[in-house]
């Protein structure tokens, strides 16, 4: 759970910045990759 929490913390931190810079371009790709991995 520590690894999951830290990983999500870092991805979320970066996600806010990416969203602010690039917008919705990566949202769909992130969900797709996450789904395939699971």
ModelCIF file with pLDDT and N, C-alpha, C, O atoms, coordinates in Angstrom:
data_MODEL
#
_entry.id   MODEL 
#
_entity.id                         1 
_entity.type                       polymer 
_entity.pdbx_number_of_molecules   1 
#
_entity_poly.entity_id                      1 
_entity_poly.type                           'polypeptide(L)' 
_entity_poly.nstd_linkage                   no 
_entity_poly.nstd_monomer                   no 
_entity_poly.pdbx_seq_one_letter_code       
;(UNK)(UNK)(UNK)(UNK)(UNK)(UNK)(UNK)(UNK)(UNK)(UNK)(UNK)(UNK)(UNK)(UNK)(UNK)(UNK)
(UNK)(UNK)(UNK)(UNK)(UNK)(UNK)(UNK)(UNK)(UNK)(UNK)(UNK)(UNK)(UNK)(UNK)(UNK)(UNK)
(UNK)(UNK)(UNK)(UNK)(UNK)(UNK)
;
_entity_poly.pdbx_seq_one_letter_code_can   XXXXXXXXXXXXXXXXXXXXXXXXXXXXXXXXXXXXXX 
_entity_poly.pdbx_strand_id                 A 
#
loop_
_entity_poly_seq.entity_id 
_entity_poly_seq.num 
_entity_poly_seq.mon_id 
_entity_poly_seq.hetero 
1 1  UNK n 
1 2  UNK n 
1 3  UNK n 
1 4  UNK n 
1 5  UNK n 
1 6  UNK n 
1 7  UNK n 
1 8  UNK n 
1 9  UNK n 
1 10 UNK n 
1 11 UNK n 
1 12 UNK n 
1 13 UNK n 
1 14 UNK n 
1 15 UNK n 
1 16 UNK n 
1 17 UNK n 
1 18 UNK n 
1 19 UNK n 
1 20 UNK n 
1 21 UNK n 
1 22 UNK n 
1 23 UNK n 
1 24 UNK n 
1 25 UNK n 
1 26 UNK n 
1 27 UNK n 
1 28 UNK n 
1 29 UNK n 
1 30 UNK n 
1 31 UNK n 
1 32 UNK n 
1 33 UNK n 
1 34 UNK n 
1 35 UNK n 
1 36 UNK n 
1 37 UNK n 
1 38 UNK n 
#
_struct_asym.id          A 
_struct_asym.entity_id   1 
#
loop_
_ma_qa_metric.id 
_ma_qa_metric.mode 
_ma_qa_metric.name 
_ma_qa_metric.software_group_id 
_ma_qa_metric.type 
1 global pLDDT . pLDDT 
2 local  pLDDT . pLDDT 
#
_ma_qa_metric_global.metric_id      1 
_ma_qa_metric_global.metric_value   83.13 
_ma_qa_metric_global.model_id       1 
_ma_qa_metric_global.ordinal_id     1 
#
loop_
_ma_qa_metric_local.label_asym_id 
_ma_qa_metric_local.label_comp_id 
_ma_qa_metric_local.label_seq_id 
_ma_qa_metric_local.metric_id 
_ma_qa_metric_local.metric_value 
_ma_qa_metric_local.model_id 
_ma_qa_metric_local.ordinal_id 
A UNK 1  2 96.00 1 1  
A UNK 2  2 97.00 1 2  
A UNK 3  2 97.00 1 3  
A UNK 4  2 97.00 1 4  
A UNK 5  2 97.00 1 5  
A UNK 6  2 98.00 1 6  
A UNK 7  2 97.00 1 7  
A UNK 8  2 97.00 1 8  
A UNK 9  2 98.00 1 9  
A UNK 10 2 98.00 1 10 
A UNK 11 2 96.00 1 11 
A UNK 12 2 96.00 1 12 
A UNK 13 2 95.00 1 13 
A UNK 14 2 95.00 1 14 
A UNK 15 2 92.00 1 15 
A UNK 16 2 93.00 1 16 
A UNK 17 2 93.00 1 17 
A UNK 18 2 89.00 1 18 
A UNK 19 2 84.00 1 19 
A UNK 20 2 85.00 1 20 
A UNK 21 2 85.00 1 21 
A UNK 22 2 77.00 1 22 
A UNK 23 2 61.00 1 23 
A UNK 24 2 58.00 1 24 
A UNK 25 2 62.00 1 25 
A UNK 26 2 65.00 1 26 
A UNK 27 2 65.00 1 27 
A UNK 28 2 70.00 1 28 
A UNK 29 2 75.00 1 29 
A UNK 30 2 69.00 1 30 
A UNK 31 2 69.00 1 31 
A UNK 32 2 78.00 1 32 
A UNK 33 2 75.00 1 33 
A UNK 34 2 66.00 1 34 
A UNK 35 2 71.00 1 35 
A UNK 36 2 79.00 1 36 
A UNK 37 2 75.00 1 37 
A UNK 38 2 69.00 1 38 
#
loop_
_atom_site.group_PDB 
_atom_site.id 
_atom_site.type_symbol 
_atom_site.label_atom_id 
_atom_site.label_alt_id 
_atom_site.label_comp_id 
_atom_site.label_asym_id 
_atom_site.label_entity_id 
_atom_site.label_seq_id 
_atom_site.pdbx_PDB_ins_code 
_atom_site.Cartn_x 
_atom_site.Cartn_y 
_atom_site.Cartn_z 
_atom_site.occupancy 
_atom_site.B_iso_or_equiv 
_atom_site.pdbx_formal_charge 
_atom_site.auth_seq_id 
_atom_site.auth_comp_id 
_atom_site.auth_asym_id 
_atom_site.auth_atom_id 
_atom_site.pdbx_PDB_model_num 
ATOM 1   N N  . UNK A 1 1  ? 0.834  -1.210 0.000   1.00 96.00 ? 1  UNK A N  1 
ATOM 2   C CA . UNK A 1 1  ? 0.000  0.000  0.000   1.00 96.00 ? 1  UNK A CA 1 
ATOM 3   C C  . UNK A 1 1  ? 0.864  1.253  0.000   1.00 96.00 ? 1  UNK A C  1 
ATOM 4   O O  . UNK A 1 1  ? 0.463  2.285  -0.538  1.00 96.00 ? 1  UNK A O  1 
ATOM 5   N N  . UNK A 1 2  ? 2.047  1.169  0.600   1.00 97.00 ? 2  UNK A N  1 
ATOM 6   C CA . UNK A 1 2  ? 2.963  2.314  0.564   1.00 97.00 ? 2  UNK A CA 1 
ATOM 7   C C  . UNK A 1 2  ? 3.407  2.614  -0.863  1.00 97.00 ? 2  UNK A C  1 
ATOM 8   O O  . UNK A 1 2  ? 3.430  3.768  -1.291  1.00 97.00 ? 2  UNK A O  1 
ATOM 9   N N  . UNK A 1 3  ? 3.760  1.552  -1.596  1.00 97.00 ? 3  UNK A N  1 
ATOM 10  C CA . UNK A 1 3  ? 4.191  1.750  -2.979  1.00 97.00 ? 3  UNK A CA 1 
ATOM 11  C C  . UNK A 1 3  ? 3.049  2.311  -3.831  1.00 97.00 ? 3  UNK A C  1 
ATOM 12  O O  . UNK A 1 3  ? 3.268  3.199  -4.655  1.00 97.00 ? 3  UNK A O  1 
ATOM 13  N N  . UNK A 1 4  ? 1.838  1.797  -3.637  1.00 97.00 ? 4  UNK A N  1 
ATOM 14  C CA . UNK A 1 4  ? 0.686  2.286  -4.391  1.00 97.00 ? 4  UNK A CA 1 
ATOM 15  C C  . UNK A 1 4  ? 0.429  3.753  -4.057  1.00 97.00 ? 4  UNK A C  1 
ATOM 16  O O  . UNK A 1 4  ? 0.208  4.564  -4.957  1.00 97.00 ? 4  UNK A O  1 
ATOM 17  N N  . UNK A 1 5  ? 0.458  4.096  -2.776  1.00 97.00 ? 5  UNK A N  1 
ATOM 18  C CA . UNK A 1 5  ? 0.212  5.474  -2.365  1.00 97.00 ? 5  UNK A CA 1 
ATOM 19  C C  . UNK A 1 5  ? 1.259  6.442  -2.888  1.00 97.00 ? 5  UNK A C  1 
ATOM 20  O O  . UNK A 1 5  ? 0.920  7.513  -3.393  1.00 97.00 ? 5  UNK A O  1 
ATOM 21  N N  . UNK A 1 6  ? 2.525  6.073  -2.771  1.00 98.00 ? 6  UNK A N  1 
ATOM 22  C CA . UNK A 1 6  ? 3.613  6.948  -3.239  1.00 98.00 ? 6  UNK A CA 1 
ATOM 23  C C  . UNK A 1 6  ? 3.569  7.106  -4.754  1.00 98.00 ? 6  UNK A C  1 
ATOM 24  O O  . UNK A 1 6  ? 3.736  8.210  -5.272  1.00 98.00 ? 6  UNK A O  1 
ATOM 25  N N  . UNK A 1 7  ? 3.348  6.018  -5.455  1.00 97.00 ? 7  UNK A N  1 
ATOM 26  C CA . UNK A 1 7  ? 3.268  6.076  -6.920  1.00 97.00 ? 7  UNK A CA 1 
ATOM 27  C C  . UNK A 1 7  ? 2.124  6.980  -7.356  1.00 97.00 ? 7  UNK A C  1 
ATOM 28  O O  . UNK A 1 7  ? 2.289  7.814  -8.246  1.00 97.00 ? 7  UNK A O  1 
ATOM 29  N N  . UNK A 1 8  ? 0.966  6.813  -6.730  1.00 97.00 ? 8  UNK A N  1 
ATOM 30  C CA . UNK A 1 8  ? -0.191 7.647  -7.081  1.00 97.00 ? 8  UNK A CA 1 
ATOM 31  C C  . UNK A 1 8  ? 0.059  9.098  -6.713  1.00 97.00 ? 8  UNK A C  1 
ATOM 32  O O  . UNK A 1 8  ? -0.322 9.999  -7.461  1.00 97.00 ? 8  UNK A O  1 
ATOM 33  N N  . UNK A 1 9  ? 0.690  9.339  -5.573  1.00 98.00 ? 9  UNK A N  1 
ATOM 34  C CA . UNK A 1 9  ? 1.035  10.704 -5.175  1.00 98.00 ? 9  UNK A CA 1 
ATOM 35  C C  . UNK A 1 9  ? 1.872  11.367 -6.269  1.00 98.00 ? 9  UNK A C  1 
ATOM 36  O O  . UNK A 1 9  ? 1.575  12.484 -6.693  1.00 98.00 ? 9  UNK A O  1 
ATOM 37  N N  . UNK A 1 10 ? 2.910  10.678 -6.721  1.00 98.00 ? 10 UNK A N  1 
ATOM 38  C CA . UNK A 1 10 ? 3.807  11.253 -7.727  1.00 98.00 ? 10 UNK A CA 1 
ATOM 39  C C  . UNK A 1 10 ? 3.101  11.469 -9.068  1.00 98.00 ? 10 UNK A C  1 
ATOM 40  O O  . UNK A 1 10 ? 3.252  12.519 -9.693  1.00 98.00 ? 10 UNK A O  1 
ATOM 41  N N  . UNK A 1 11 ? 2.327  10.466 -9.506  1.00 96.00 ? 11 UNK A N  1 
ATOM 42  C CA . UNK A 1 11 ? 1.605  10.612 -10.774 1.00 96.00 ? 11 UNK A CA 1 
ATOM 43  C C  . UNK A 1 11 ? 0.584  11.744 -10.702 1.00 96.00 ? 11 UNK A C  1 
ATOM 44  O O  . UNK A 1 11 ? 0.398  12.473 -11.676 1.00 96.00 ? 11 UNK A O  1 
ATOM 45  N N  . UNK A 1 12 ? -0.073 11.896 -9.567  1.00 96.00 ? 12 UNK A N  1 
ATOM 46  C CA . UNK A 1 12 ? -1.071 12.961 -9.411  1.00 96.00 ? 12 UNK A CA 1 
ATOM 47  C C  . UNK A 1 12 ? -0.403 14.325 -9.389  1.00 96.00 ? 12 UNK A C  1 
ATOM 48  O O  . UNK A 1 12 ? -0.898 15.277 -9.991  1.00 96.00 ? 12 UNK A O  1 
ATOM 49  N N  . UNK A 1 13 ? 0.709  14.414 -8.702  1.00 95.00 ? 13 UNK A N  1 
ATOM 50  C CA . UNK A 1 13 ? 1.479  15.657 -8.647  1.00 95.00 ? 13 UNK A CA 1 
ATOM 51  C C  . UNK A 1 13 ? 1.835  16.110 -10.057 1.00 95.00 ? 13 UNK A C  1 
ATOM 52  O O  . UNK A 1 13 ? 1.614  17.262 -10.430 1.00 95.00 ? 13 UNK A O  1 
ATOM 53  N N  . UNK A 1 14 ? 2.386  15.186 -10.828 1.00 95.00 ? 14 UNK A N  1 
ATOM 54  C CA . UNK A 1 14 ? 2.783  15.482 -12.206 1.00 95.00 ? 14 UNK A CA 1 
ATOM 55  C C  . UNK A 1 14 ? 1.554  15.713 -13.083 1.00 95.00 ? 14 UNK A C  1 
ATOM 56  O O  . UNK A 1 14 ? 1.585  16.550 -13.985 1.00 95.00 ? 14 UNK A O  1 
ATOM 57  N N  . UNK A 1 15 ? 0.475  14.976 -12.824 1.00 92.00 ? 15 UNK A N  1 
ATOM 58  C CA . UNK A 1 15 ? -0.745 15.098 -13.627 1.00 92.00 ? 15 UNK A CA 1 
ATOM 59  C C  . UNK A 1 15 ? -1.334 16.494 -13.592 1.00 92.00 ? 15 UNK A C  1 
ATOM 60  O O  . UNK A 1 15 ? -1.781 17.006 -14.619 1.00 92.00 ? 15 UNK A O  1 
ATOM 61  N N  . UNK A 1 16 ? -1.338 17.113 -12.426 1.00 93.00 ? 16 UNK A N  1 
ATOM 62  C CA . UNK A 1 16 ? -1.862 18.485 -12.318 1.00 93.00 ? 16 UNK A CA 1 
ATOM 63  C C  . UNK A 1 16 ? -1.053 19.418 -13.217 1.00 93.00 ? 16 UNK A C  1 
ATOM 64  O O  . UNK A 1 16 ? -1.618 20.249 -13.928 1.00 93.00 ? 16 UNK A O  1 
ATOM 65  N N  . UNK A 1 17 ? 0.261  19.277 -13.181 1.00 93.00 ? 17 UNK A N  1 
ATOM 66  C CA . UNK A 1 17 ? 1.130  20.142 -13.996 1.00 93.00 ? 17 UNK A CA 1 
ATOM 67  C C  . UNK A 1 17 ? 0.936  19.868 -15.486 1.00 93.00 ? 17 UNK A C  1 
ATOM 68  O O  . UNK A 1 17 ? 0.830  20.798 -16.285 1.00 93.00 ? 17 UNK A O  1 
ATOM 69  N N  . UNK A 1 18 ? 0.892  18.605 -15.850 1.00 89.00 ? 18 UNK A N  1 
ATOM 70  C CA . UNK A 1 18 ? 0.688  18.243 -17.261 1.00 89.00 ? 18 UNK A CA 1 
ATOM 71  C C  . UNK A 1 18 ? -0.651 18.770 -17.751 1.00 89.00 ? 18 UNK A C  1 
ATOM 72  O O  . UNK A 1 18 ? -0.738 19.323 -18.848 1.00 89.00 ? 18 UNK A O  1 
ATOM 73  N N  . UNK A 1 19 ? -1.698 18.603 -16.943 1.00 84.00 ? 19 UNK A N  1 
ATOM 74  C CA . UNK A 1 19 ? -3.015 19.107 -17.326 1.00 84.00 ? 19 UNK A CA 1 
ATOM 75  C C  . UNK A 1 19 ? -3.007 20.607 -17.509 1.00 84.00 ? 19 UNK A C  1 
ATOM 76  O O  . UNK A 1 19 ? -3.650 21.135 -18.416 1.00 84.00 ? 19 UNK A O  1 
ATOM 77  N N  . UNK A 1 20 ? -2.286 21.285 -16.656 1.00 85.00 ? 20 UNK A N  1 
ATOM 78  C CA . UNK A 1 20 ? -2.204 22.737 -16.749 1.00 85.00 ? 20 UNK A CA 1 
ATOM 79  C C  . UNK A 1 20 ? -1.464 23.171 -18.008 1.00 85.00 ? 20 UNK A C  1 
ATOM 80  O O  . UNK A 1 20 ? -1.772 24.212 -18.589 1.00 85.00 ? 20 UNK A O  1 
ATOM 81  N N  . UNK A 1 21 ? -0.499 22.379 -18.423 1.00 85.00 ? 21 UNK A N  1 
ATOM 82  C CA . UNK A 1 21 ? 0.297  22.727 -19.609 1.00 85.00 ? 21 UNK A CA 1 
ATOM 83  C C  . UNK A 1 21 ? -0.333 22.200 -20.900 1.00 85.00 ? 21 UNK A C  1 
ATOM 84  O O  . UNK A 1 21 ? -0.475 22.942 -21.873 1.00 85.00 ? 21 UNK A O  1 
ATOM 85  N N  . UNK A 1 22 ? -0.708 20.924 -20.908 1.00 77.00 ? 22 UNK A N  1 
ATOM 86  C CA . UNK A 1 22 ? -1.113 20.272 -22.152 1.00 77.00 ? 22 UNK A CA 1 
ATOM 87  C C  . UNK A 1 22 ? -2.605 20.007 -22.295 1.00 77.00 ? 22 UNK A C  1 
ATOM 88  O O  . UNK A 1 22 ? -3.067 19.741 -23.405 1.00 77.00 ? 22 UNK A O  1 
ATOM 89  N N  . UNK A 1 23 ? -3.363 20.070 -21.226 1.00 61.00 ? 23 UNK A N  1 
ATOM 90  C CA . UNK A 1 23 ? -4.798 19.828 -21.332 1.00 61.00 ? 23 UNK A CA 1 
ATOM 91  C C  . UNK A 1 23 ? -5.151 18.357 -21.379 1.00 61.00 ? 23 UNK A C  1 
ATOM 92  O O  . UNK A 1 23 ? -4.450 17.530 -20.795 1.00 61.00 ? 23 UNK A O  1 
ATOM 93  N N  . UNK A 1 24 ? -6.224 18.025 -22.062 1.00 58.00 ? 24 UNK A N  1 
ATOM 94  C CA . UNK A 1 24 ? -6.804 16.675 -22.057 1.00 58.00 ? 24 UNK A CA 1 
ATOM 95  C C  . UNK A 1 24 ? -6.088 15.667 -22.954 1.00 58.00 ? 24 UNK A C  1 
ATOM 96  O O  . UNK A 1 24 ? -6.506 14.513 -23.046 1.00 58.00 ? 24 UNK A O  1 
ATOM 97  N N  . UNK A 1 25 ? -5.024 16.090 -23.608 1.00 62.00 ? 25 UNK A N  1 
ATOM 98  C CA . UNK A 1 25 ? -4.339 15.232 -24.582 1.00 62.00 ? 25 UNK A CA 1 
ATOM 99  C C  . UNK A 1 25 ? -3.937 13.867 -24.012 1.00 62.00 ? 25 UNK A C  1 
ATOM 100 O O  . UNK A 1 25 ? -4.037 12.860 -24.713 1.00 62.00 ? 25 UNK A O  1 
ATOM 101 N N  . UNK A 1 26 ? -3.482 13.817 -22.749 1.00 65.00 ? 26 UNK A N  1 
ATOM 102 C CA . UNK A 1 26 ? -2.958 12.574 -22.190 1.00 65.00 ? 26 UNK A CA 1 
ATOM 103 C C  . UNK A 1 26 ? -3.941 11.820 -21.306 1.00 65.00 ? 26 UNK A C  1 
ATOM 104 O O  . UNK A 1 26 ? -3.643 10.701 -20.888 1.00 65.00 ? 26 UNK A O  1 
ATOM 105 N N  . UNK A 1 27 ? -5.099 12.393 -21.009 1.00 65.00 ? 27 UNK A N  1 
ATOM 106 C CA . UNK A 1 27 ? -6.058 11.764 -20.108 1.00 65.00 ? 27 UNK A CA 1 
ATOM 107 C C  . UNK A 1 27 ? -6.502 10.400 -20.631 1.00 65.00 ? 27 UNK A C  1 
ATOM 108 O O  . UNK A 1 27 ? -6.451 9.411  -19.900 1.00 65.00 ? 27 UNK A O  1 
ATOM 109 N N  . UNK A 1 28 ? -6.927 10.341 -21.864 1.00 70.00 ? 28 UNK A N  1 
ATOM 110 C CA . UNK A 1 28 ? -7.423 9.101  -22.452 1.00 70.00 ? 28 UNK A CA 1 
ATOM 111 C C  . UNK A 1 28 ? -6.321 8.055  -22.536 1.00 70.00 ? 28 UNK A C  1 
ATOM 112 O O  . UNK A 1 28 ? -6.559 6.879  -22.262 1.00 70.00 ? 28 UNK A O  1 
ATOM 113 N N  . UNK A 1 29 ? -5.127 8.472  -22.911 1.00 75.00 ? 29 UNK A N  1 
ATOM 114 C CA . UNK A 1 29 ? -4.010 7.527  -23.017 1.00 75.00 ? 29 UNK A CA 1 
ATOM 115 C C  . UNK A 1 29 ? -3.659 6.944  -21.659 1.00 75.00 ? 29 UNK A C  1 
ATOM 116 O O  . UNK A 1 29 ? -3.353 5.756  -21.559 1.00 75.00 ? 29 UNK A O  1 
ATOM 117 N N  . UNK A 1 30 ? -3.699 7.761  -20.613 1.00 69.00 ? 30 UNK A N  1 
ATOM 118 C CA . UNK A 1 30 ? -3.394 7.281  -19.263 1.00 69.00 ? 30 UNK A CA 1 
ATOM 119 C C  . UNK A 1 30 ? -4.410 6.235  -18.820 1.00 69.00 ? 30 UNK A C  1 
ATOM 120 O O  . UNK A 1 30 ? -4.025 5.195  -18.285 1.00 69.00 ? 30 UNK A O  1 
ATOM 121 N N  . UNK A 1 31 ? -5.696 6.489  -19.033 1.00 69.00 ? 31 UNK A N  1 
ATOM 122 C CA . UNK A 1 31 ? -6.725 5.519  -18.651 1.00 69.00 ? 31 UNK A CA 1 
ATOM 123 C C  . UNK A 1 31 ? -6.571 4.229  -19.447 1.00 69.00 ? 31 UNK A C  1 
ATOM 124 O O  . UNK A 1 31 ? -6.742 3.143  -18.893 1.00 69.00 ? 31 UNK A O  1 
ATOM 125 N N  . UNK A 1 32 ? -6.254 4.325  -20.724 1.00 78.00 ? 32 UNK A N  1 
ATOM 126 C CA . UNK A 1 32 ? -6.093 3.156  -21.580 1.00 78.00 ? 32 UNK A CA 1 
ATOM 127 C C  . UNK A 1 32 ? -4.935 2.287  -21.096 1.00 78.00 ? 32 UNK A C  1 
ATOM 128 O O  . UNK A 1 32 ? -5.085 1.075  -20.938 1.00 78.00 ? 32 UNK A O  1 
ATOM 129 N N  . UNK A 1 33 ? -3.780 2.909  -20.862 1.00 75.00 ? 33 UNK A N  1 
ATOM 130 C CA . UNK A 1 33 ? -2.602 2.177  -20.395 1.00 75.00 ? 33 UNK A CA 1 
ATOM 131 C C  . UNK A 1 33 ? -2.887 1.526  -19.050 1.00 75.00 ? 33 UNK A C  1 
ATOM 132 O O  . UNK A 1 33 ? -2.537 0.365  -18.840 1.00 75.00 ? 33 UNK A O  1 
ATOM 133 N N  . UNK A 1 34 ? -3.518 2.257  -18.139 1.00 66.00 ? 34 UNK A N  1 
ATOM 134 C CA . UNK A 1 34 ? -3.856 1.698  -16.830 1.00 66.00 ? 34 UNK A CA 1 
ATOM 135 C C  . UNK A 1 34 ? -4.760 0.482  -16.945 1.00 66.00 ? 34 UNK A C  1 
ATOM 136 O O  . UNK A 1 34 ? -4.555 -0.511 -16.248 1.00 66.00 ? 34 UNK A O  1 
ATOM 137 N N  . UNK A 1 35 ? -5.755 0.549  -17.818 1.00 71.00 ? 35 UNK A N  1 
ATOM 138 C CA . UNK A 1 35 ? -6.661 -0.576 -18.025 1.00 71.00 ? 35 UNK A CA 1 
ATOM 139 C C  . UNK A 1 35 ? -5.955 -1.807 -18.554 1.00 71.00 ? 35 UNK A C  1 
ATOM 140 O O  . UNK A 1 35 ? -6.185 -2.917 -18.075 1.00 71.00 ? 35 UNK A O  1 
ATOM 141 N N  . UNK A 1 36 ? -5.095 -1.613 -19.541 1.00 79.00 ? 36 UNK A N  1 
ATOM 142 C CA . UNK A 1 36 ? -4.341 -2.733 -20.117 1.00 79.00 ? 36 UNK A CA 1 
ATOM 143 C C  . UNK A 1 36 ? -3.447 -3.377 -19.054 1.00 79.00 ? 36 UNK A C  1 
ATOM 144 O O  . UNK A 1 36 ? -3.376 -4.602 -18.957 1.00 79.00 ? 36 UNK A O  1 
ATOM 145 N N  . UNK A 1 37 ? -2.770 -2.553 -18.266 1.00 75.00 ? 37 UNK A N  1 
ATOM 146 C CA . UNK A 1 37 ? -1.882 -3.075 -17.220 1.00 75.00 ? 37 UNK A CA 1 
ATOM 147 C C  . UNK A 1 37 ? -2.662 -3.934 -16.239 1.00 75.00 ? 37 UNK A C  1 
ATOM 148 O O  . UNK A 1 37 ? -2.220 -5.032 -15.902 1.00 75.00 ? 37 UNK A O  1 
ATOM 149 N N  . UNK A 1 38 ? -3.810 -3.460 -15.774 1.00 69.00 ? 38 UNK A N  1 
ATOM 150 C CA . UNK A 1 38 ? -4.586 -4.227 -14.794 1.00 69.00 ? 38 UNK A CA 1 
ATOM 151 C C  . UNK A 1 38 ? -5.091 -5.544 -15.374 1.00 69.00 ? 38 UNK A C  1 
ATOM 152 O O  . UNK A 1 38 ? -5.761 -6.308 -14.680 1.00 69.00 ? 38 UNK A O  1 
#
